Amino acid sequence: MDLRTTLAAQGYGQARGAAQPQPREDRQTGAGDVFSEAVQSFTETVQRGEQTAQAALTTGADPHSLVTALAQTELAVETAVTVRDKVVEAYQEILRMPV
């Protein structure tokens, strides 16, 4: 058997295994889990922005990273405000429903 054929077969076998979908957990993800993960992500983004801003002010860190962190924080806050507005709107719509 040719060495190139053997190497090609091994490479195909490795690539085939890598292309298989990874098994996911079979547990159901509820709305509470999704909301909890979103809040956790928001908190981490804001904390990262604060840490980068403090580092830029105290140690003169890279201004580019400061601008990037502030933009990410601004986007996270805008997203949180949009979600809050949608929740308030849904609540008001429920209040307007006839009993």
C-alpha atoms as a PDB file:
ATOM      1  CA  MET A   1       0.000   0.000   0.000  1.00  0.00           C
ATOM      2  CA  ASP A   2       1.273   3.453  -0.895  1.00  0.00           C
ATOM      3  CA  LEU A   3       2.263   5.758   1.981  1.00  0.00           C
ATOM      4  CA  ARG A   4       0.312   8.651   0.465  1.00  0.00           C
ATOM      5  CA  THR A   5      -2.827   6.535   0.377  1.00  0.00           C
ATOM      6  CA  THR A   6      -2.376   5.594   4.022  1.00  0.00           C
ATOM      7  CA  LEU A   7      -1.808   9.208   5.066  1.00  0.00           C
ATOM      8  CA  ALA A   8      -4.814  10.331   3.032  1.00  0.00           C
ATOM      9  CA  ALA A   9      -6.990   7.687   4.689  1.00  0.00           C
ATOM     10  CA  GLN A  10      -5.793   8.758   8.145  1.00  0.00           C
ATOM     11  CA  GLY A  11      -6.429  12.413   7.340  1.00  0.00           C
ATOM     12  CA  TYR A  12      -9.894  11.570   6.064  1.00  0.00           C
ATOM     13  CA  GLY A  13     -10.666   9.633   9.241  1.00  0.00           C
ATOM     14  CA  GLN A  14      -9.539  12.531  11.439  1.00  0.00           C
ATOM     15  CA  ALA A  15     -11.467  15.094   9.409  1.00  0.00           C
ATOM     16  CA  ARG A  16     -14.560  12.908   9.448  1.00  0.00           C
ATOM     17  CA  GLY A  17     -14.458  12.703  13.246  1.00  0.00           C
ATOM     18  CA  ALA A  18     -14.001  16.459  13.530  1.00  0.00           C
ATOM     19  CA  ALA A  19     -17.002  17.077  11.290  1.00  0.00           C
ATOM     20  CA  GLN A  20     -19.341  15.084  13.533  1.00  0.00           C
ATOM     21  CA  PRO A  21     -21.635  17.267  15.634  1.00  0.00           C
ATOM     22  CA  GLN A  22     -20.717  17.454  19.281  1.00  0.00           C
ATOM     23  CA  PRO A  23     -23.318  15.906  21.608  1.00  0.00           C
ATOM     24  CA  ARG A  24     -25.278  18.476  23.539  1.00  0.00           C
ATOM     25  CA  GLU A  25     -26.743  18.108  26.936  1.00  0.00           C
ATOM     26  CA  ASP A  26     -30.249  16.695  26.775  1.00  0.00           C
ATOM     27  CA  ARG A  27     -31.642  19.016  29.413  1.00  0.00           C
ATOM     28  CA  GLN A  28     -34.242  21.543  28.393  1.00  0.00           C
ATOM     29  CA  THR A  29     -33.167  25.159  28.495  1.00  0.00           C
ATOM     30  CA  GLY A  30     -35.926  27.230  29.993  1.00  0.00           C
ATOM     31  CA  ALA A  31     -36.589  30.928  29.709  1.00  0.00           C
ATOM     32  CA  GLY A  32     -35.135  31.442  33.177  1.00  0.00           C
ATOM     33  CA  ASP A  33     -31.844  29.833  32.140  1.00  0.00           C
ATOM     34  CA  VAL A  34     -31.634  31.962  29.012  1.00  0.00           C
ATOM     35  CA  PHE A  35     -32.397  35.131  30.972  1.00  0.00           C
ATOM     36  CA  SER A  36     -29.856  34.195  33.644  1.00  0.00           C
ATOM     37  CA  GLU A  37     -27.149  33.658  31.015  1.00  0.00           C
ATOM     38  CA  ALA A  38     -28.002  36.992  29.378  1.00  0.00           C
ATOM     39  CA  VAL A  39     -27.752  38.836  32.696  1.00  0.00           C
ATOM     40  CA  GLN A  40     -24.451  37.103  33.457  1.00  0.00           C
ATOM     41  CA  SER A  41     -23.070  38.077  30.040  1.00  0.00           C
ATOM     42  CA  PHE A  42     -24.236  41.673  30.526  1.00  0.00           C
ATOM     43  CA  THR A  43     -22.578  41.864  33.943  1.00  0.00           C
ATOM     44  CA  GLU A  44     -19.295  40.472  32.618  1.00  0.00           C
ATOM     45  CA  THR A  45     -19.285  42.920  29.701  1.00  0.00           C
ATOM     46  CA  VAL A  46     -19.860  45.924  31.963  1.00  0.00           C
ATOM     47  CA  GLN A  47     -17.202  44.749  34.430  1.00  0.00           C
ATOM     48  CA  ARG A  48     -14.697  44.246  31.605  1.00  0.00           C
ATOM     49  CA  GLY A  49     -15.404  47.778  30.384  1.00  0.00           C
ATOM     50  CA  GLU A  50     -14.919  49.202  33.875  1.00  0.00           C
ATOM     51  CA  GLN A  51     -11.650  47.325  34.353  1.00  0.00           C
ATOM     52  CA  THR A  52     -10.338  48.509  30.996  1.00  0.00           C
ATOM     53  CA  ALA A  53     -11.311  52.104  31.780  1.00  0.00           C
ATOM     54  CA  GLN A  54      -9.587  51.951  35.165  1.00  0.00           C
ATOM     55  CA  ALA A  55      -6.477  50.463  33.582  1.00  0.00           C
ATOM     56  CA  ALA A  56      -6.433  53.199  30.949  1.00  0.00           C
ATOM     57  CA  LEU A  57      -6.710  55.920  33.581  1.00  0.00           C
ATOM     58  CA  THR A  58      -4.187  54.508  36.042  1.00  0.00           C
ATOM     59  CA  THR A  59      -1.579  52.775  33.894  1.00  0.00           C
ATOM     60  CA  GLY A  60      -2.118  54.356  30.502  1.00  0.00           C
ATOM     61  CA  ALA A  61      -3.300  51.143  28.840  1.00  0.00           C
ATOM     62  CA  ASP A  62      -3.934  50.863  25.122  1.00  0.00           C
ATOM     63  CA  PRO A  63      -6.490  53.497  24.044  1.00  0.00           C
ATOM     64  CA  HIS A  64      -7.762  51.210  21.283  1.00  0.00           C
ATOM     65  CA  SER A  65      -8.781  48.560  23.822  1.00  0.00           C
ATOM     66  CA  LEU A  66     -10.478  51.262  25.896  1.00  0.00           C
ATOM     67  CA  VAL A  67     -12.566  52.410  22.938  1.00  0.00           C
ATOM     68  CA  THR A  68     -13.460  48.805  22.080  1.00  0.00           C
ATOM     69  CA  ALA A  69     -14.466  48.009  25.662  1.00  0.00           C
ATOM     70  CA  LEU A  70     -16.565  51.164  25.921  1.00  0.00           C
ATOM     71  CA  ALA A  71     -18.310  50.382  22.624  1.00  0.00           C
ATOM     72  CA  GLN A  72     -19.111  46.858  23.836  1.00  0.00           C
ATOM     73  CA  THR A  73     -20.412  48.233  27.123  1.00  0.00           C
ATOM     74  CA  GLU A  74     -22.549  50.790  25.308  1.00  0.00           C
ATOM     75  CA  LEU A  75     -24.014  48.067  23.092  1.00  0.00           C
ATOM     76  CA  ALA A  76     -24.763  45.894  26.132  1.00  0.00           C
ATOM     77  CA  VAL A  77     -26.520  48.773  27.903  1.00  0.00           C
ATOM     78  CA  GLU A  78     -28.550  49.625  24.794  1.00  0.00           C
ATOM     79  CA  THR A  79     -29.588  45.978  24.496  1.00  0.00           C
ATOM     80  CA  ALA A  80     -30.611  45.869  28.166  1.00  0.00           C
ATOM     81  CA  VAL A  81     -32.666  49.050  27.735  1.00  0.00           C
ATOM     82  CA  THR A  82     -34.390  47.595  24.673  1.00  0.00           C
ATOM     83  CA  VAL A  83     -35.255  44.406  26.551  1.00  0.00           C
ATOM     84  CA  ARG A  84     -36.544  46.445  29.493  1.00  0.00           C
ATOM     85  CA  ASP A  85     -38.730  48.518  27.172  1.00  0.00           C
ATOM     86  CA  LYS A  86     -40.187  45.376  25.587  1.00  0.00           C
ATOM     87  CA  VAL A  87     -40.946  43.884  29.013  1.00  0.00           C
ATOM     88  CA  VAL A  88     -42.686  47.084  30.132  1.00  0.00           C
ATOM     89  CA  GLU A  89     -44.638  47.211  26.874  1.00  0.00           C
ATOM     90  CA  ALA A  90     -45.764  43.590  27.307  1.00  0.00           C
ATOM     91  CA  TYR A  91     -46.776  44.277  30.918  1.00  0.00           C
ATOM     92  CA  GLN A  92     -48.823  47.302  29.881  1.00  0.00           C
ATOM     93  CA  GLU A  93     -50.507  45.264  27.167  1.00  0.00           C
ATOM     94  CA  ILE A  94     -51.459  42.617  29.730  1.00  0.00           C
ATOM     95  CA  LEU A  95     -52.940  45.345  31.953  1.00  0.00           C
ATOM     96  CA  ARG A  96     -55.095  46.559  29.060  1.00  0.00           C
ATOM     97  CA  MET A  97     -56.615  43.109  28.500  1.00  0.00           C
ATOM     98  CA  PRO A  98     -60.276  42.823  29.468  1.00  0.00           C
ATOM     99  CA  VAL A  99     -61.003  40.598  32.432  1.00  0.00           C
END
